Amino acid sequence: MNESLKILLVVGFLIVILWNLGAGLYYMLVDKGQSKRTVNALTRRIALSIALIAIIVFAMWMGWIEPHGIGSNPN
């Protein structure tokens, strides 16, 4: 898989997650508890976050991506 495609996939997931977080805030302010749109938006955000973590763990397990050890002391 192309390196830029991997980055684009993760950034795309993060943008959609932030979009759902913003939608949840908007619905919370506009609906004033009259609908379940806030709960649905935040549920989608949690599901997308879990999916992103699962995809990253799976890609690391398959060897498609490698952690680069931020903060580690290079020898």
PDB file of N, CA and C in Angstrom:
ATOM      1  N   MET A   1       0.852  -1.176   0.000  1.00  0.00           N
ATOM      2  CA  MET A   1       0.000   0.000   0.000  1.00  0.00           C
ATOM      3  C   MET A   1       0.895   1.236   0.000  1.00  0.00           C
ATOM      4  N   ASN A   2       0.520   2.216  -0.770  1.00  0.00           N
ATOM      5  CA  ASN A   2       1.269   3.453  -0.888  1.00  0.00           C
ATOM      6  C   ASN A   2       1.267   4.223   0.444  1.00  0.00           C
ATOM      7  N   GLU A   3       2.405   4.811   0.787  1.00  0.00           N
ATOM      8  CA  GLU A   3       2.537   5.531   2.063  1.00  0.00           C
ATOM      9  C   GLU A   3       1.551   6.698   2.159  1.00  0.00           C
ATOM     10  N   SER A   4       1.386   7.428   1.072  1.00  0.00           N
ATOM     11  CA  SER A   4       0.480   8.573   1.103  1.00  0.00           C
ATOM     12  C   SER A   4      -0.979   8.127   1.236  1.00  0.00           C
ATOM     13  N   LEU A   5      -1.303   6.942   0.716  1.00  0.00           N
ATOM     14  CA  LEU A   5      -2.655   6.423   0.862  1.00  0.00           C
ATOM     15  C   LEU A   5      -2.938   6.062   2.319  1.00  0.00           C
ATOM     16  N   LYS A   6      -1.942   5.525   3.011  1.00  0.00           N
ATOM     17  CA  LYS A   6      -2.100   5.210   4.431  1.00  0.00           C
ATOM     18  C   LYS A   6      -2.364   6.478   5.234  1.00  0.00           C
ATOM     19  N   ILE A   7      -1.586   7.508   4.966  1.00  0.00           N
ATOM     20  CA  ILE A   7      -1.750   8.775   5.680  1.00  0.00           C
ATOM     21  C   ILE A   7      -3.115   9.388   5.365  1.00  0.00           C
ATOM     22  N   LEU A   8      -3.517   9.327   4.093  1.00  0.00           N
ATOM     23  CA  LEU A   8      -4.808   9.874   3.685  1.00  0.00           C
ATOM     24  C   LEU A   8      -5.957   9.142   4.374  1.00  0.00           C
ATOM     25  N   LEU A   9      -5.835   7.830   4.532  1.00  0.00           N
ATOM     26  CA  LEU A   9      -6.869   7.053   5.205  1.00  0.00           C
ATOM     27  C   LEU A   9      -7.013   7.471   6.666  1.00  0.00           C
ATOM     28  N   VAL A  10      -5.900   7.602   7.365  1.00  0.00           N
ATOM     29  CA  VAL A  10      -5.947   7.993   8.783  1.00  0.00           C
ATOM     30  C   VAL A  10      -6.467   9.425   8.926  1.00  0.00           C
ATOM     31  N   VAL A  11      -5.981  10.329   8.100  1.00  0.00           N
ATOM     32  CA  VAL A  11      -6.438  11.725   8.178  1.00  0.00           C
ATOM     33  C   VAL A  11      -7.919  11.816   7.829  1.00  0.00           C
ATOM     34  N   GLY A  12      -8.363  11.035   6.844  1.00  0.00           N
ATOM     35  CA  GLY A  12      -9.787  11.013   6.501  1.00  0.00           C
ATOM     36  C   GLY A  12     -10.643  10.551   7.664  1.00  0.00           C
ATOM     37  N   PHE A  13     -10.205   9.485   8.340  1.00  0.00           N
ATOM     38  CA  PHE A  13     -10.920   9.008   9.515  1.00  0.00           C
ATOM     39  C   PHE A  13     -10.982  10.104  10.584  1.00  0.00           C
ATOM     40  N   LEU A  14      -9.859  10.771  10.830  1.00  0.00           N
ATOM     41  CA  LEU A  14      -9.829  11.814  11.857  1.00  0.00           C
ATOM     42  C   LEU A  14     -10.750  12.975  11.513  1.00  0.00           C
ATOM     43  N   ILE A  15     -10.820  13.339  10.245  1.00  0.00           N
ATOM     44  CA  ILE A  15     -11.718  14.427   9.830  1.00  0.00           C
ATOM     45  C   ILE A  15     -13.181  14.046  10.056  1.00  0.00           C
ATOM     46  N   VAL A  16     -13.536  12.807   9.695  1.00  0.00           N
ATOM     47  CA  VAL A  16     -14.914  12.359   9.901  1.00  0.00           C
ATOM     48  C   VAL A  16     -15.232  12.269  11.397  1.00  0.00           C
ATOM     49  N   ILE A  17     -14.271  11.840  12.203  1.00  0.00           N
ATOM     50  CA  ILE A  17     -14.472  11.777  13.649  1.00  0.00           C
ATOM     51  C   ILE A  17     -14.710  13.180  14.211  1.00  0.00           C
ATOM     52  N   LEU A  18     -13.889  14.141  13.794  1.00  0.00           N
ATOM     53  CA  LEU A  18     -14.085  15.519  14.258  1.00  0.00           C
ATOM     54  C   LEU A  18     -15.400  16.098  13.764  1.00  0.00           C
ATOM     55  N   TRP A  19     -15.803  15.747  12.545  1.00  0.00           N
ATOM     56  CA  TRP A  19     -17.079  16.213  12.006  1.00  0.00           C
ATOM     57  C   TRP A  19     -18.234  15.723  12.886  1.00  0.00           C
ATOM     58  N   ASN A  20     -18.197  14.444  13.265  1.00  0.00           N
ATOM     59  CA  ASN A  20     -19.251  13.898  14.120  1.00  0.00           C
ATOM     60  C   ASN A  20     -19.226  14.507  15.512  1.00  0.00           C
ATOM     61  N   LEU A  21     -18.052  14.833  16.012  1.00  0.00           N
ATOM     62  CA  LEU A  21     -17.957  15.511  17.300  1.00  0.00           C
ATOM     63  C   LEU A  21     -18.593  16.894  17.222  1.00  0.00           C
ATOM     64  N   GLY A  22     -18.295  17.623  16.155  1.00  0.00           N
ATOM     65  CA  GLY A  22     -18.911  18.940  15.953  1.00  0.00           C
ATOM     66  C   GLY A  22     -20.409  18.842  15.750  1.00  0.00           C
ATOM     67  N   ALA A  23     -20.851  17.814  15.023  1.00  0.00           N
ATOM     68  CA  ALA A  23     -22.290  17.625  14.823  1.00  0.00           C
ATOM     69  C   ALA A  23     -22.983  17.354  16.150  1.00  0.00           C
ATOM     70  N   GLY A  24     -22.341  16.561  17.001  1.00  0.00           N
ATOM     71  CA  GLY A  24     -22.914  16.296  18.322  1.00  0.00           C
ATOM     72  C   GLY A  24     -23.053  17.567  19.139  1.00  0.00           C
ATOM     73  N   LEU A  25     -22.038  18.427  19.085  1.00  0.00           N
ATOM     74  CA  LEU A  25     -22.115  19.707  19.799  1.00  0.00           C
ATOM     75  C   LEU A  25     -23.225  20.580  19.229  1.00  0.00           C
ATOM     76  N   TYR A  26     -23.296  20.651  17.907  1.00  0.00           N
ATOM     77  CA  TYR A  26     -24.329  21.467  17.263  1.00  0.00           C
ATOM     78  C   TYR A  26     -25.726  20.981  17.631  1.00  0.00           C
ATOM     79  N   TYR A  27     -25.948  19.661  17.532  1.00  0.00           N
ATOM     80  CA  TYR A  27     -27.267  19.117  17.849  1.00  0.00           C
ATOM     81  C   TYR A  27     -27.602  19.309  19.325  1.00  0.00           C
ATOM     82  N   MET A  28     -26.599  19.247  20.179  1.00  0.00           N
ATOM     83  CA  MET A  28     -26.845  19.450  21.600  1.00  0.00           C
ATOM     84  C   MET A  28     -27.323  20.877  21.865  1.00  0.00           C
ATOM     85  N   LEU A  29     -26.740  21.843  21.163  1.00  0.00           N
ATOM     86  CA  LEU A  29     -27.123  23.237  21.370  1.00  0.00           C
ATOM     87  C   LEU A  29     -28.447  23.576  20.700  1.00  0.00           C
ATOM     88  N   VAL A  30     -28.720  22.979  19.547  1.00  0.00           N
ATOM     89  CA  VAL A  30     -29.919  23.334  18.780  1.00  0.00           C
ATOM     90  C   VAL A  30     -31.149  22.574  19.266  1.00  0.00           C
ATOM     91  N   ASP A  31     -31.022  21.279  19.505  1.00  0.00           N
ATOM     92  CA  ASP A  31     -32.188  20.453  19.822  1.00  0.00           C
ATOM     93  C   ASP A  31     -32.657  20.594  21.262  1.00  0.00           C
ATOM     94  N   LYS A  32     -31.794  20.992  22.153  1.00  0.00           N
ATOM     95  CA  LYS A  32     -32.125  21.159  23.577  1.00  0.00           C
ATOM     96  C   LYS A  32     -32.752  19.895  24.184  1.00  0.00           C
ATOM     97  N   GLY A  33     -32.220  18.727  23.785  1.00  0.00           N
ATOM     98  CA  GLY A  33     -32.682  17.471  24.368  1.00  0.00           C
ATOM     99  C   GLY A  33     -33.969  16.934  23.790  1.00  0.00           C
ATOM    100  N   GLN A  34     -34.441  17.485  22.683  1.00  0.00           N
ATOM    101  CA  GLN A  34     -35.706  17.046  22.109  1.00  0.00           C
ATOM    102  C   GLN A  34     -35.556  15.882  21.127  1.00  0.00           C
ATOM    103  N   SER A  35     -34.361  15.590  20.675  1.00  0.00           N
ATOM    104  CA  SER A  35     -34.170  14.479  19.746  1.00  0.00           C
ATOM    105  C   SER A  35     -32.939  13.675  20.152  1.00  0.00           C
ATOM    106  N   LYS A  36     -32.723  12.582  19.433  1.00  0.00           N
ATOM    107  CA  LYS A  36     -31.587  11.709  19.737  1.00  0.00           C
ATOM    108  C   LYS A  36     -30.432  11.945  18.777  1.00  0.00           C
ATOM    109  N   ARG A  37     -30.447  13.055  18.040  1.00  0.00           N
ATOM    110  CA  ARG A  37     -29.388  13.308  17.071  1.00  0.00           C
ATOM    111  C   ARG A  37     -28.026  13.466  17.744  1.00  0.00           C
ATOM    112  N   THR A  38     -27.993  14.050  18.929  1.00  0.00           N
ATOM    113  CA  THR A  38     -26.722  14.209  19.648  1.00  0.00           C
ATOM    114  C   THR A  38     -26.141  12.845  20.005  1.00  0.00           C
ATOM    115  N   VAL A  39     -26.972  11.980  20.542  1.00  0.00           N
ATOM    116  CA  VAL A  39     -26.522  10.645  20.935  1.00  0.00           C
ATOM    117  C   VAL A  39     -26.050   9.865  19.709  1.00  0.00           C
ATOM    118  N   ASN A  40     -26.780   9.982  18.607  1.00  0.00           N
ATOM    119  CA  ASN A  40     -26.393   9.268  17.387  1.00  0.00           C
ATOM    120  C   ASN A  40     -25.056   9.768  16.852  1.00  0.00           C
ATOM    121  N   ALA A  41     -24.838  11.077  16.846  1.00  0.00           N
ATOM    122  CA  ALA A  41     -23.575  11.629  16.343  1.00  0.00           C
ATOM    123  C   ALA A  41     -22.405  11.186  17.221  1.00  0.00           C
ATOM    124  N   LEU A  42     -22.583  11.212  18.524  1.00  0.00           N
ATOM    125  CA  LEU A  42     -21.497  10.807  19.413  1.00  0.00           C
ATOM    126  C   LEU A  42     -21.259   9.291  19.370  1.00  0.00           C
ATOM    127  N   THR A  43     -22.318   8.516  19.137  1.00  0.00           N
ATOM    128  CA  THR A  43     -22.158   7.072  18.978  1.00  0.00           C
ATOM    129  C   THR A  43     -21.361   6.762  17.717  1.00  0.00           C
ATOM    130  N   ARG A  44     -21.655   7.476  16.624  1.00  0.00           N
ATOM    131  CA  ARG A  44     -20.880   7.291  15.398  1.00  0.00           C
ATOM    132  C   ARG A  44     -19.428   7.674  15.620  1.00  0.00           C
ATOM    133  N   ARG A  45     -19.180   8.743  16.383  1.00  0.00           N
ATOM    134  CA  ARG A  45     -17.813   9.161  16.649  1.00  0.00           C
ATOM    135  C   ARG A  45     -17.049   8.078  17.405  1.00  0.00           C
ATOM    136  N   ILE A  46     -17.665   7.487  18.401  1.00  0.00           N
ATOM    137  CA  ILE A  46     -17.020   6.429  19.168  1.00  0.00           C
ATOM    138  C   ILE A  46     -16.771   5.205  18.290  1.00  0.00           C
ATOM    139  N   ALA A  47     -17.753   4.844  17.465  1.00  0.00           N
ATOM    140  CA  ALA A  47     -17.590   3.691  16.579  1.00  0.00           C
ATOM    141  C   ALA A  47     -16.456   3.925  15.578  1.00  0.00           C
ATOM    142  N   LEU A  48     -16.364   5.122  15.033  1.00  0.00           N
ATOM    143  CA  LEU A  48     -15.294   5.435  14.088  1.00  0.00           C
ATOM    144  C   LEU A  48     -13.932   5.429  14.778  1.00  0.00           C
ATOM    145  N   SER A  49     -13.874   5.917  16.006  1.00  0.00           N
ATOM    146  CA  SER A  49     -12.614   5.908  16.745  1.00  0.00           C
ATOM    147  C   SER A  49     -12.146   4.481  17.022  1.00  0.00           C
ATOM    148  N   ILE A  50     -13.072   3.629  17.415  1.00  0.00           N
ATOM    149  CA  ILE A  50     -12.730   2.231  17.666  1.00  0.00           C
ATOM    150  C   ILE A  50     -12.305   1.553  16.371  1.00  0.00           C
ATOM    151  N   ALA A  51     -12.996   1.858  15.272  1.00  0.00           N
ATOM    152  CA  ALA A  51     -12.634   1.270  13.979  1.00  0.00           C
ATOM    153  C   ALA A  51     -11.239   1.721  13.551  1.00  0.00           C
ATOM    154  N   LEU A  52     -10.913   2.991  13.750  1.00  0.00           N
ATOM    155  CA  LEU A  52      -9.589   3.493  13.386  1.00  0.00           C
ATOM    156  C   LEU A  52      -8.501   2.807  14.197  1.00  0.00           C
ATOM    157  N   ILE A  53      -8.721   2.652  15.492  1.00  0.00           N
ATOM    158  CA  ILE A  53      -7.743   1.969  16.335  1.00  0.00           C
ATOM    159  C   ILE A  53      -7.584   0.514  15.885  1.00  0.00           C
ATOM    160  N   ALA A  54      -8.692  -0.146  15.568  1.00  0.00           N
ATOM    161  CA  ALA A  54      -8.632  -1.540  15.125  1.00  0.00           C
ATOM    162  C   ALA A  54      -7.887  -1.657  13.800  1.00  0.00           C
ATOM    163  N   ILE A  55      -8.126  -0.728  12.886  1.00  0.00           N
ATOM    164  CA  ILE A  55      -7.434  -0.752  11.601  1.00  0.00           C
ATOM    165  C   ILE A  55      -5.933  -0.553  11.794  1.00  0.00           C
ATOM    166  N   ILE A  56      -5.546   0.364  12.666  1.00  0.00           N
ATOM    167  CA  ILE A  56      -4.123   0.620  12.912  1.00  0.00           C
ATOM    168  C   ILE A  56      -3.461  -0.598  13.560  1.00  0.00           C
ATOM    169  N   VAL A  57      -4.120  -1.201  14.537  1.00  0.00           N
ATOM    170  CA  VAL A  57      -3.557  -2.393  15.188  1.00  0.00           C
ATOM    171  C   VAL A  57      -3.437  -3.533  14.186  1.00  0.00           C
ATOM    172  N   PHE A  58      -4.452  -3.724  13.348  1.00  0.00           N
ATOM    173  CA  PHE A  58      -4.410  -4.780  12.343  1.00  0.00           C
ATOM    174  C   PHE A  58      -3.287  -4.535  11.333  1.00  0.00           C
ATOM    175  N   ALA A  59      -3.126  -3.288  10.900  1.00  0.00           N
ATOM    176  CA  ALA A  59      -2.070  -2.952   9.937  1.00  0.00           C
ATOM    177  C   ALA A  59      -0.693  -3.167  10.554  1.00  0.00           C
ATOM    178  N   MET A  60      -0.536  -2.874  11.837  1.00  0.00           N
ATOM    179  CA  MET A  60       0.738  -3.132  12.501  1.00  0.00           C
ATOM    180  C   MET A  60       0.991  -4.635  12.602  1.00  0.00           C
ATOM    181  N   TRP A  61      -0.044  -5.407  12.900  1.00  0.00           N
ATOM    182  CA  TRP A  61       0.074  -6.852  13.018  1.00  0.00           C
ATOM    183  C   TRP A  61       0.447  -7.474  11.680  1.00  0.00           C
ATOM    184  N   MET A  62      -0.136  -6.962  10.588  1.00  0.00           N
ATOM    185  CA  MET A  62       0.154  -7.483   9.251  1.00  0.00           C
ATOM    186  C   MET A  62       1.500  -6.993   8.705  1.00  0.00           C
ATOM    187  N   GLY A  63       2.091  -5.997   9.351  1.00  0.00           N
ATOM    188  CA  GLY A  63       3.366  -5.476   8.906  1.00  0.00           C
ATOM    189  C   GLY A  63       3.255  -4.401   7.839  1.00  0.00           C
ATOM    190  N   TRP A  64       2.039  -3.894   7.608  1.00  0.00           N
ATOM    191  CA  TRP A  64       1.844  -2.852   6.605  1.00  0.00           C
ATOM    192  C   TRP A  64       2.374  -1.513   7.087  1.00  0.00           C
ATOM    193  N   ILE A  65       2.304  -1.284   8.397  1.00  0.00           N
ATOM    194  CA  ILE A  65       2.875  -0.071   8.987  1.00  0.00           C
ATOM    195  C   ILE A  65       3.746  -0.492  10.150  1.00  0.00           C
ATOM    196  N   GLU A  66       4.720   0.355  10.476  1.00  0.00           N
ATOM    197  CA  GLU A  66       5.610   0.078  11.589  1.00  0.00           C
ATOM    198  C   GLU A  66       5.636   1.289  12.503  1.00  0.00           C
ATOM    199  N   PRO A  67       5.513   1.066  13.814  1.00  0.00           N
ATOM    200  CA  PRO A  67       5.635   2.190  14.726  1.00  0.00           C
ATOM    201  C   PRO A  67       7.069   2.733  14.690  1.00  0.00           C
ATOM    202  N   HIS A  68       7.188   4.040  14.773  1.00  0.00           N
ATOM    203  CA  HIS A  68       8.526   4.638  14.655  1.00  0.00           C
ATOM    204  C   HIS A  68       9.095   5.064  15.987  1.00  0.00           C
ATOM    205  N   GLY A  69       8.414   4.806  17.080  1.00  0.00           N
ATOM    206  CA  GLY A  69       8.979   5.024  18.403  1.00  0.00           C
ATOM    207  C   GLY A  69       9.230   6.474  18.739  1.00  0.00           C
ATOM    208  N   ILE A  70       8.184   7.267  18.763  1.00  0.00           N
ATOM    209  CA  ILE A  70       8.333   8.666  19.154  1.00  0.00           C
ATOM    210  C   ILE A  70       8.854   8.724  20.576  1.00  0.00           C
ATOM    211  N   GLY A  71       9.863   9.507  20.796  1.00  0.00           N
ATOM    212  CA  GLY A  71      10.423   9.669  22.116  1.00  0.00           C
ATOM    213  C   GLY A  71      11.459   8.628  22.493  1.00  0.00           C
ATOM    214  N   SER A  72      11.725   7.680  21.628  1.00  0.00           N
ATOM    215  CA  SER A  72      12.750   6.689  21.947  1.00  0.00           C
ATOM    216  C   SER A  72      14.122   7.246  21.639  1.00  0.00           C
ATOM    217  N   ASN A  73      15.110   6.720  22.304  1.00  0.00           N
ATOM    218  CA  ASN A  73      16.474   7.189  22.144  1.00  0.00           C
ATOM    219  C   ASN A  73      17.152   6.403  21.035  1.00  0.00           C
ATOM    220  N   PRO A  74      17.461   7.020  19.889  1.00  0.00           N
ATOM    221  CA  PRO A  74      18.102   6.278  18.819  1.00  0.00           C
ATOM    222  C   PRO A  74      19.544   5.942  19.159  1.00  0.00           C
ATOM    223  N   ASN A  75      20.011   4.800  18.724  1.00  0.00           N
ATOM    224  CA  ASN A  75      21.383   4.374  19.005  1.00  0.00           C
ATOM    225  C   ASN A  75      22.280   4.663  17.826  1.00  0.00           C
TER     226      ASN A  75
END
